[in-house]
Protein backbone atom coordinates (compact mmCIF):
# COMPACT_ATOMS: atom_id res chain seq x y z
CA MET A 1 37.90 69.27 -36.34
CA LYS A 2 37.45 70.63 -32.82
CA ARG A 3 40.31 69.85 -30.46
CA LEU A 4 40.41 69.68 -26.67
CA LEU A 5 43.35 69.77 -24.29
CA ILE A 6 42.86 68.19 -20.85
CA ILE A 7 45.63 69.83 -18.85
CA GLY A 8 46.73 68.66 -15.42
CA ILE A 9 47.69 71.76 -13.42
CA GLY A 10 49.03 70.16 -10.24
CA ALA A 11 47.84 69.95 -6.67
CA GLY A 12 47.67 73.68 -5.95
CA ASP A 13 51.13 75.21 -6.32
CA PRO A 14 51.37 77.30 -9.54
CA ASP A 15 54.91 75.91 -9.91
CA HIS A 16 53.45 72.41 -10.26
CA LEU A 17 52.53 73.26 -13.84
CA THR A 18 54.86 71.38 -16.18
CA LEU A 19 56.54 72.86 -19.26
CA GLN A 20 54.19 70.70 -21.34
CA GLY A 21 51.27 72.22 -19.47
CA VAL A 22 52.59 75.75 -20.11
CA LYS A 23 52.81 75.03 -23.85
CA ALA A 24 49.31 73.53 -23.86
CA ILE A 25 47.79 76.59 -22.16
CA ALA A 26 49.51 78.81 -24.72
CA ALA A 27 47.98 76.72 -27.53
CA ALA A 28 44.35 77.07 -26.39
CA ASP A 29 41.80 79.40 -27.98
CA VAL A 30 39.04 78.85 -25.40
CA PHE A 31 39.28 77.84 -21.73
CA PHE A 32 36.32 76.11 -20.09
CA LEU A 33 35.96 76.67 -16.34
CA LEU A 34 33.30 75.19 -14.07
CA ASP A 35 32.29 77.49 -11.23
CA LYS A 36 31.95 75.54 -7.98
CA GLY A 37 30.52 78.47 -6.05
CA GLU A 38 31.96 81.13 -3.77
CA VAL A 39 33.06 78.62 -1.14
CA LYS A 40 35.53 77.01 -3.55
CA HIS A 41 36.63 80.18 -5.34
CA ASP A 42 40.28 79.24 -4.63
CA LEU A 43 40.00 76.39 -7.13
CA THR A 44 38.78 78.70 -9.88
CA GLY A 45 41.19 81.46 -8.91
CA LEU A 46 44.28 79.35 -9.55
CA ARG A 47 42.98 78.46 -13.00
CA HIS A 48 42.46 82.12 -13.85
CA ASP A 49 45.98 82.93 -12.63
CA LEU A 50 47.53 80.20 -14.80
CA ILE A 51 45.58 81.31 -17.87
CA GLU A 52 46.61 84.93 -17.35
CA ALA A 53 50.24 83.92 -16.86
CA HIS A 54 50.58 81.47 -19.75
CA GLY A 55 47.67 82.03 -22.16
CA ARG A 56 48.41 83.54 -25.54
CA PRO A 57 45.90 86.26 -26.55
CA PRO A 58 43.46 86.43 -28.05
CA TYR A 59 41.73 83.74 -26.00
CA ARG A 60 38.35 83.44 -24.33
CA VAL A 61 37.39 82.12 -20.92
CA VAL A 62 33.94 80.55 -20.74
CA GLU A 63 32.49 79.68 -17.33
CA ALA A 64 29.56 77.43 -16.48
CA ARG A 65 28.03 76.37 -13.19
CA ASP A 66 29.14 72.96 -11.98
CA PRO A 67 26.10 70.78 -11.18
CA ASP A 68 25.59 70.05 -7.50
CA ARG A 69 26.02 66.47 -6.30
CA ASP A 70 23.81 64.90 -3.66
CA ARG A 71 26.24 64.16 -0.83
CA THR A 72 23.58 63.07 1.67
CA THR A 73 22.10 60.03 -0.05
CA PRO A 74 23.40 56.59 0.98
CA ALA A 75 23.22 55.60 -2.72
CA TYR A 76 26.69 56.98 -3.38
CA ALA A 77 27.37 55.29 -6.74
CA ASP A 78 24.00 56.34 -8.16
CA ALA A 79 24.53 59.93 -7.00
CA VAL A 80 27.94 60.07 -8.70
CA ARG A 81 26.57 58.61 -11.96
CA ASP A 82 23.76 61.17 -11.96
CA TRP A 83 26.19 64.03 -11.28
CA ARG A 84 28.54 62.88 -14.04
CA SER A 85 25.68 62.64 -16.51
CA ARG A 86 24.55 66.20 -15.72
CA ARG A 87 28.13 67.45 -15.95
CA ALA A 88 28.49 65.72 -19.33
CA ARG A 89 25.55 67.76 -20.61
CA VAL A 90 27.30 70.94 -19.47
CA TYR A 91 30.51 69.88 -21.24
CA GLU A 92 28.57 69.01 -24.39
CA ALA A 93 26.94 72.44 -24.50
CA LEU A 94 30.29 74.17 -23.98
CA VAL A 95 32.04 72.28 -26.75
CA ARG A 96 29.09 72.51 -29.12
CA GLU A 97 28.27 76.18 -28.62
CA GLU A 98 31.52 77.87 -27.57
CA LEU A 99 34.20 76.11 -29.64
CA ALA A 100 34.33 76.69 -33.39
CA ASP A 101 35.59 74.15 -35.89
CA GLY A 102 39.38 74.30 -36.04
CA GLN A 103 39.71 75.83 -32.58
CA THR A 104 41.36 74.33 -29.50
CA GLY A 105 39.57 74.30 -26.17
CA ALA A 106 41.09 73.47 -22.78
CA PHE A 107 39.95 72.10 -19.45
CA LEU A 108 42.36 72.78 -16.58
CA VAL A 109 42.18 69.77 -14.27
CA TRP A 110 43.29 69.85 -10.66
CA GLY A 111 46.15 67.39 -10.07
CA ASP A 112 46.50 64.81 -12.83
CA PRO A 113 43.60 63.99 -15.19
CA GLY A 114 44.36 60.27 -14.89
CA VAL A 115 44.32 60.11 -11.08
CA TYR A 116 41.01 60.26 -9.22
CA ASP A 117 39.31 62.67 -11.61
CA SER A 118 36.12 62.35 -13.65
CA THR A 119 36.96 64.60 -16.63
CA LEU A 120 38.15 61.87 -19.00
CA ALA A 121 35.21 59.57 -18.26
CA ILE A 122 32.77 62.44 -18.80
CA LEU A 123 34.39 63.39 -22.12
CA GLU A 124 34.02 59.79 -23.29
CA GLU A 125 30.29 60.23 -22.76
CA VAL A 126 30.34 63.55 -24.63
CA ALA A 127 32.27 61.93 -27.51
CA GLU A 128 29.26 59.72 -28.21
CA LEU A 129 27.34 62.87 -29.20
CA LEU A 130 29.99 65.19 -30.67
CA THR A 131 33.02 64.75 -32.89
CA PHE A 132 36.29 66.11 -31.55
CA GLU A 133 39.81 64.97 -30.80
CA TYR A 134 41.55 65.47 -27.48
CA GLU A 135 44.93 65.19 -25.83
CA VAL A 136 45.73 64.65 -22.16
CA ILE A 137 48.60 66.51 -20.51
CA PRO A 138 49.61 64.89 -17.21
CA GLY A 139 50.09 66.91 -14.06
CA ILE A 140 51.50 66.53 -10.56
CA SER A 141 48.87 64.68 -8.55
CA SER A 142 48.09 65.09 -4.87
CA VAL A 143 49.68 61.66 -4.45
CA SER A 144 53.01 62.92 -5.79
CA ALA A 145 52.74 66.12 -3.78
CA LEU A 146 51.96 64.18 -0.58
CA THR A 147 54.90 61.79 -0.80
CA ALA A 148 57.27 64.59 -1.80
CA ARG A 149 56.24 66.83 1.10
CA HIS A 150 56.68 63.95 3.55
CA ALA A 151 59.94 62.87 1.86
CA THR A 152 58.77 59.30 1.52
CA SER A 153 58.10 56.87 -1.33
CA LEU A 154 54.70 55.64 -2.39
CA THR A 155 55.99 52.10 -2.84
CA ARG A 156 58.17 49.64 -0.95
CA VAL A 157 60.13 46.75 -2.41
CA ALA A 158 57.94 43.81 -3.41
CA ARG A 159 54.81 45.29 -1.81
CA PRO A 160 51.62 46.48 -3.50
CA VAL A 161 49.90 49.81 -2.91
CA HIS A 162 46.12 49.94 -2.68
CA ILE A 163 44.57 53.24 -3.79
CA THR A 164 41.10 53.65 -2.35
CA THR A 165 38.66 56.09 -0.75
CA GLY A 166 37.79 56.81 2.85
CA ARG A 167 34.39 55.24 2.27
CA ARG A 168 35.92 51.95 1.10
CA LEU A 169 38.53 51.97 3.85
CA ALA A 170 35.76 52.21 6.42
CA GLU A 171 33.91 49.31 4.80
CA GLU A 172 36.84 46.99 4.06
CA GLY A 173 39.65 48.02 6.38
CA ALA A 174 43.28 48.13 5.25
CA THR A 175 43.62 45.56 2.47
CA ALA A 176 47.39 46.04 2.00
CA ASP A 177 50.39 47.11 4.03
CA ASP A 178 50.44 50.38 2.07
CA VAL A 179 47.12 52.13 1.45
CA LEU A 180 46.70 55.48 -0.30
CA VAL A 181 43.39 57.16 0.60
CA MET A 182 41.81 59.98 -1.41
CA LEU A 183 39.34 62.33 0.32
CA ASP A 184 38.20 60.89 3.63
CA ALA A 185 35.42 62.96 5.15
CA HIS A 186 35.06 60.67 8.18
CA CYS A 187 38.70 60.05 9.15
CA SER A 188 38.36 56.32 8.53
CA PHE A 189 42.03 55.80 9.36
CA ALA A 190 40.93 55.59 13.00
CA GLY A 191 39.77 52.02 12.43
CA VAL A 192 42.90 50.51 10.87
CA GLY A 193 44.68 49.52 14.08
CA ASP A 194 47.74 50.62 15.99
CA ASP A 195 50.36 49.13 13.66
CA PHE A 196 49.99 51.81 10.95
CA HIS A 197 51.90 55.02 10.34
CA ILE A 198 50.06 57.82 8.55
CA TYR A 199 51.35 60.51 6.20
CA TRP A 200 48.49 63.03 5.91
CA GLY A 201 48.19 66.25 3.93
CA ALA A 202 45.46 68.77 3.14
CA TYR A 203 45.40 71.64 0.61
CA LEU A 204 48.67 70.27 -0.73
CA GLY A 205 50.76 72.83 -2.60
CA THR A 206 48.68 75.80 -1.45
CA PRO A 207 49.37 78.48 1.21
CA ASP A 208 46.87 76.62 3.44
CA GLU A 209 48.79 73.32 3.28
CA ILE A 210 48.68 71.17 6.44
CA LEU A 211 50.95 68.17 7.01
CA VAL A 212 50.92 65.58 9.80
CA SER A 213 52.74 62.28 10.10
CA GLY A 214 53.23 59.67 12.78
CA PRO A 215 51.66 56.53 14.24
CA VAL A 216 47.89 56.62 13.75
CA ALA A 217 47.35 55.97 17.45
CA GLU A 218 49.38 59.07 18.35
CA VAL A 219 48.38 61.63 15.70
CA GLY A 220 44.86 60.50 14.70
CA ASP A 221 43.08 62.85 17.10
CA ARG A 222 45.25 65.78 16.00
CA ILE A 223 44.41 65.14 12.34
CA ARG A 224 40.69 65.05 13.13
CA GLU A 225 40.91 68.36 14.98
CA LEU A 226 42.98 70.07 12.27
CA ARG A 227 40.69 68.77 9.54
CA ALA A 228 37.53 69.99 11.30
CA GLU A 229 39.03 73.41 12.00
CA ALA A 230 40.26 73.83 8.41
CA ARG A 231 36.97 72.79 6.88
CA ALA A 232 35.03 75.15 9.14
CA ARG A 233 37.38 78.00 8.24
CA LYS A 234 37.44 77.52 4.44
CA GLY A 235 34.14 75.72 3.84
CA TRP A 236 35.82 72.84 1.97
CA ILE A 237 38.80 70.55 2.26
CA MET A 238 40.77 68.23 -0.01
CA ASP A 239 43.05 65.79 1.77
CA THR A 240 45.06 62.70 0.94
CA TYR A 241 46.98 60.27 3.10
CA LEU A 242 49.20 57.22 2.97
CA LEU A 243 48.83 54.48 5.56
CA ARG A 244 51.90 52.28 6.01
CA ARG A 245 51.98 49.22 8.24
CA THR A 246 55.04 49.28 10.45
CA PRO A 247 57.10 46.08 10.81
CA ALA A 248 56.48 44.06 13.93
CA ALA A 249 59.18 44.42 16.56
CA GLY A 250 61.83 41.74 16.19
């Protein structure tokens, strides 16, 4: 039986890797890496560093090109489904052709595989075509890294937290007093009103980390400027933020 390990490696800091993750990397025979291009070489570089630090030779590293996703079409859901389907075919070929029976393969997943990541859903599609077993090793997500760096809690007593995207925030507004937003290319926090505090972070856990917090009305413009400058400098950006409605005076 072929076996896969889906290993969460944290939000960017090599020290985010858990002891369970270290053991899982040491147990892998083959590591599958998807190349996202030169612009995002940092993402691949950390994976190589972790494999070199914790892998147990002999092991192999097999790289494949990550399919491009159409980010211009207004049909967002259809574009994501198409991209996932093409990525599933890449995963299928890797597992079928590069992993022998009885061997263990590994995918190193940024953050936590169960939080805002497509790997598990794609492997479910692959499992309809191939027979293998797999195990998921949790990691420190950008959510955990964000709240830790801002020294705040994700939750408040007796209040829900809504996890959403910048796209949905722009369409629906803030649907709870605490809203966690993953990847907002258009700074949709600008439309939530003046009674929200924002805890924002980009490149969390990396040397390029940027943190800003404060009332949205006061720091919103600064976040937009920092985000634009960082994206222009690096060619990509991953950011996360928590919006928290402040109690009314009195």
